[in-house]
N, C-alpha and C. Protein backbone atom coordinates (compact mmCIF):
# COMPACT_ATOMS: atom_id res chain seq x y z
N MET A 1 -3.61 7.74 -0.04
CA MET A 1 -2.81 8.50 0.88
C MET A 1 -1.34 8.37 0.51
N ARG A 2 -0.64 9.44 0.75
CA ARG A 2 0.80 9.44 0.49
C ARG A 2 1.53 8.63 1.56
N ILE A 3 2.75 8.25 1.26
CA ILE A 3 3.54 7.41 2.15
C ILE A 3 3.77 8.07 3.52
N ASP A 4 3.95 9.38 3.54
CA ASP A 4 4.16 10.07 4.83
C ASP A 4 2.90 10.01 5.70
N GLN A 5 1.73 10.08 5.07
CA GLN A 5 0.48 9.98 5.81
C GLN A 5 0.27 8.56 6.35
N ILE A 6 0.63 7.56 5.54
CA ILE A 6 0.52 6.17 5.98
C ILE A 6 1.45 5.93 7.17
N ALA A 7 2.67 6.46 7.10
CA ALA A 7 3.62 6.30 8.21
C ALA A 7 3.05 6.87 9.51
N LEU A 8 2.39 8.01 9.43
CA LEU A 8 1.78 8.60 10.62
C LEU A 8 0.66 7.72 11.17
N LEU A 9 -0.17 7.18 10.28
CA LEU A 9 -1.24 6.29 10.72
C LEU A 9 -0.68 5.01 11.34
N MET A 10 0.43 4.53 10.81
CA MET A 10 1.06 3.34 11.39
C MET A 10 1.56 3.64 12.80
N GLU A 11 2.20 4.79 12.96
CA GLU A 11 2.68 5.18 14.29
C GLU A 11 1.54 5.27 15.29
N ALA A 12 0.39 5.70 14.82
CA ALA A 12 -0.79 5.84 15.68
C ALA A 12 -1.51 4.49 15.88
N GLY A 13 -1.06 3.44 15.19
CA GLY A 13 -1.67 2.12 15.31
C GLY A 13 -2.99 1.99 14.58
N ASP A 14 -3.18 2.82 13.54
CA ASP A 14 -4.46 2.84 12.83
C ASP A 14 -4.48 1.99 11.56
N ILE A 15 -3.36 1.40 11.17
CA ILE A 15 -3.33 0.55 9.98
C ILE A 15 -3.44 -0.91 10.41
N LYS A 16 -4.47 -1.57 9.89
CA LYS A 16 -4.74 -2.96 10.26
C LYS A 16 -3.97 -3.94 9.39
N SER A 17 -3.94 -3.69 8.07
CA SER A 17 -3.26 -4.60 7.15
C SER A 17 -2.92 -3.91 5.84
N ALA A 18 -2.06 -4.58 5.07
CA ALA A 18 -1.65 -4.06 3.77
C ALA A 18 -1.92 -5.13 2.72
N TYR A 19 -2.32 -4.67 1.54
CA TYR A 19 -2.63 -5.56 0.42
C TYR A 19 -1.78 -5.16 -0.78
N LEU A 20 -1.20 -6.15 -1.44
CA LEU A 20 -0.54 -5.95 -2.73
C LEU A 20 -1.50 -6.47 -3.78
N LEU A 21 -1.90 -5.59 -4.69
CA LEU A 21 -2.94 -5.91 -5.67
C LEU A 21 -2.45 -5.64 -7.09
N PRO A 22 -2.87 -6.45 -8.06
CA PRO A 22 -2.59 -6.11 -9.45
C PRO A 22 -3.25 -4.76 -9.77
N ALA A 23 -2.53 -3.90 -10.42
CA ALA A 23 -3.08 -2.58 -10.76
C ALA A 23 -4.09 -2.73 -11.88
N PRO A 24 -5.29 -2.19 -11.68
CA PRO A 24 -6.30 -2.30 -12.73
C PRO A 24 -5.87 -1.53 -13.99
N LEU A 25 -6.08 -2.14 -15.12
CA LEU A 25 -5.78 -1.54 -16.43
C LEU A 25 -4.29 -1.30 -16.66
N LYS A 26 -3.44 -1.86 -15.81
CA LYS A 26 -1.98 -1.70 -15.99
C LYS A 26 -1.36 -3.08 -15.84
N GLU A 27 -1.38 -3.84 -16.91
CA GLU A 27 -0.89 -5.20 -16.88
C GLU A 27 0.56 -5.27 -16.40
N GLY A 28 0.81 -6.17 -15.46
CA GLY A 28 2.16 -6.35 -14.95
C GLY A 28 2.54 -5.38 -13.84
N LYS A 29 1.67 -4.45 -13.50
CA LYS A 29 1.95 -3.46 -12.45
C LYS A 29 1.18 -3.84 -11.18
N TRP A 30 1.65 -3.34 -10.06
CA TRP A 30 1.05 -3.62 -8.76
C TRP A 30 0.75 -2.33 -8.03
N SER A 31 -0.22 -2.39 -7.13
CA SER A 31 -0.54 -1.24 -6.27
C SER A 31 -0.66 -1.75 -4.84
N ILE A 32 -0.66 -0.82 -3.90
CA ILE A 32 -0.77 -1.16 -2.48
C ILE A 32 -2.00 -0.48 -1.91
N GLN A 33 -2.73 -1.23 -1.13
CA GLN A 33 -3.91 -0.69 -0.46
C GLN A 33 -3.80 -1.05 1.02
N PHE A 34 -4.20 -0.14 1.88
CA PHE A 34 -4.14 -0.34 3.31
C PHE A 34 -5.56 -0.39 3.88
N GLU A 35 -5.73 -1.19 4.93
CA GLU A 35 -6.99 -1.22 5.63
C GLU A 35 -6.79 -0.59 7.00
N ARG A 36 -7.60 0.43 7.27
CA ARG A 36 -7.53 1.10 8.56
C ARG A 36 -8.37 0.31 9.57
N LYS A 37 -8.19 0.60 10.83
CA LYS A 37 -8.93 -0.12 11.88
C LYS A 37 -10.43 0.06 11.76
N ASN A 38 -10.88 1.18 11.20
CA ASN A 38 -12.32 1.40 11.03
C ASN A 38 -12.88 0.71 9.78
N GLY A 39 -12.03 -0.04 9.07
CA GLY A 39 -12.45 -0.77 7.88
C GLY A 39 -12.26 -0.02 6.57
N GLU A 40 -11.91 1.25 6.65
CA GLU A 40 -11.70 2.04 5.43
C GLU A 40 -10.50 1.51 4.65
N GLN A 41 -10.67 1.38 3.34
CA GLN A 41 -9.60 0.95 2.44
C GLN A 41 -9.00 2.20 1.79
N VAL A 42 -7.68 2.35 1.90
CA VAL A 42 -7.04 3.52 1.31
C VAL A 42 -5.85 3.08 0.44
N PRO A 43 -5.80 3.56 -0.80
CA PRO A 43 -4.67 3.21 -1.67
C PRO A 43 -3.46 4.10 -1.39
N LEU A 44 -2.29 3.56 -1.66
CA LEU A 44 -1.07 4.35 -1.59
C LEU A 44 -1.03 5.23 -2.84
N THR A 45 -0.85 6.51 -2.66
CA THR A 45 -0.83 7.44 -3.79
C THR A 45 0.53 8.09 -3.94
N ALA A 46 0.77 8.60 -5.12
CA ALA A 46 1.96 9.39 -5.40
C ALA A 46 1.69 10.82 -4.93
N GLN A 47 2.60 11.72 -5.13
CA GLN A 47 2.49 13.09 -4.66
C GLN A 47 1.25 13.82 -5.16
N ARG A 48 0.79 13.53 -6.35
CA ARG A 48 -0.33 14.27 -6.93
C ARG A 48 -1.65 13.51 -6.87
N ALA A 49 -1.80 12.66 -5.86
CA ALA A 49 -3.04 11.93 -5.59
C ALA A 49 -3.36 10.83 -6.62
N ASN A 50 -2.43 10.50 -7.51
CA ASN A 50 -2.63 9.37 -8.41
C ASN A 50 -2.20 8.11 -7.67
N VAL A 51 -2.88 7.00 -7.93
CA VAL A 51 -2.49 5.74 -7.30
C VAL A 51 -1.07 5.40 -7.73
N ARG A 52 -0.26 5.03 -6.76
CA ARG A 52 1.14 4.70 -7.05
C ARG A 52 1.22 3.26 -7.54
N HIS A 53 1.95 3.06 -8.63
CA HIS A 53 2.11 1.73 -9.21
C HIS A 53 3.56 1.28 -9.08
N PHE A 54 3.71 -0.03 -8.96
CA PHE A 54 5.03 -0.65 -8.84
C PHE A 54 5.22 -1.60 -10.00
N SER A 55 6.44 -1.67 -10.51
CA SER A 55 6.70 -2.49 -11.68
C SER A 55 6.77 -3.98 -11.35
N SER A 56 6.95 -4.30 -10.07
CA SER A 56 6.98 -5.70 -9.68
C SER A 56 6.43 -5.87 -8.27
N LEU A 57 6.07 -7.08 -7.96
CA LEU A 57 5.62 -7.41 -6.62
C LEU A 57 6.74 -7.15 -5.62
N ASP A 58 7.96 -7.47 -6.01
CA ASP A 58 9.11 -7.25 -5.13
C ASP A 58 9.31 -5.79 -4.76
N SER A 59 9.13 -4.89 -5.70
CA SER A 59 9.33 -3.47 -5.40
C SER A 59 8.24 -2.96 -4.45
N GLY A 60 7.03 -3.46 -4.59
CA GLY A 60 5.96 -3.09 -3.66
C GLY A 60 6.24 -3.62 -2.27
N TRP A 61 6.69 -4.88 -2.20
CA TRP A 61 7.01 -5.48 -0.91
C TRP A 61 8.18 -4.75 -0.24
N LYS A 62 9.16 -4.34 -1.01
CA LYS A 62 10.30 -3.60 -0.45
C LYS A 62 9.83 -2.33 0.25
N LEU A 63 8.92 -1.61 -0.36
CA LEU A 63 8.40 -0.40 0.26
C LEU A 63 7.67 -0.73 1.56
N LEU A 64 6.88 -1.80 1.55
CA LEU A 64 6.15 -2.19 2.76
C LEU A 64 7.11 -2.55 3.90
N THR A 65 8.19 -3.25 3.58
CA THR A 65 9.15 -3.60 4.64
C THR A 65 9.85 -2.36 5.17
N GLU A 66 10.10 -1.40 4.29
CA GLU A 66 10.71 -0.14 4.74
C GLU A 66 9.77 0.62 5.68
N LEU A 67 8.47 0.45 5.49
CA LEU A 67 7.48 1.07 6.38
C LEU A 67 7.35 0.31 7.71
N GLY A 68 7.88 -0.92 7.75
CA GLY A 68 7.81 -1.69 8.98
C GLY A 68 6.86 -2.87 8.96
N PHE A 69 6.30 -3.19 7.80
CA PHE A 69 5.41 -4.34 7.70
C PHE A 69 6.22 -5.62 7.67
N SER A 70 5.73 -6.65 8.36
CA SER A 70 6.36 -7.95 8.30
C SER A 70 5.50 -8.95 7.52
N SER A 71 4.29 -8.52 7.15
CA SER A 71 3.43 -9.37 6.33
C SER A 71 2.45 -8.49 5.54
N ALA A 72 1.96 -9.07 4.47
CA ALA A 72 0.96 -8.38 3.63
C ALA A 72 0.13 -9.45 2.94
N ILE A 73 -1.03 -9.08 2.49
CA ILE A 73 -1.91 -9.98 1.76
C ILE A 73 -1.73 -9.71 0.27
N ILE A 74 -1.42 -10.76 -0.46
CA ILE A 74 -1.24 -10.62 -1.91
C ILE A 74 -2.48 -11.17 -2.60
N GLN A 75 -3.12 -10.33 -3.40
CA GLN A 75 -4.30 -10.77 -4.13
C GLN A 75 -3.97 -10.78 -5.61
N ARG A 76 -4.49 -11.77 -6.29
CA ARG A 76 -4.24 -11.88 -7.73
C ARG A 76 -5.47 -11.60 -8.51
């Protein structure tokens, strides 16, 4: 889901948690995945439905704080 869609789900109280994950097949890159209240896992995507990648853990966390998250689960 795109960031604007995630923001709407957050406003509706439908996002349970956020995960910062190493991007598969992209060494040194990170991705973000959200868990909805119904248990569905949805990745953060770029405009054209590709999974959005971050060059560092810090840049991914910065985006999450801008969305209003105060915590996230980091998986290695």
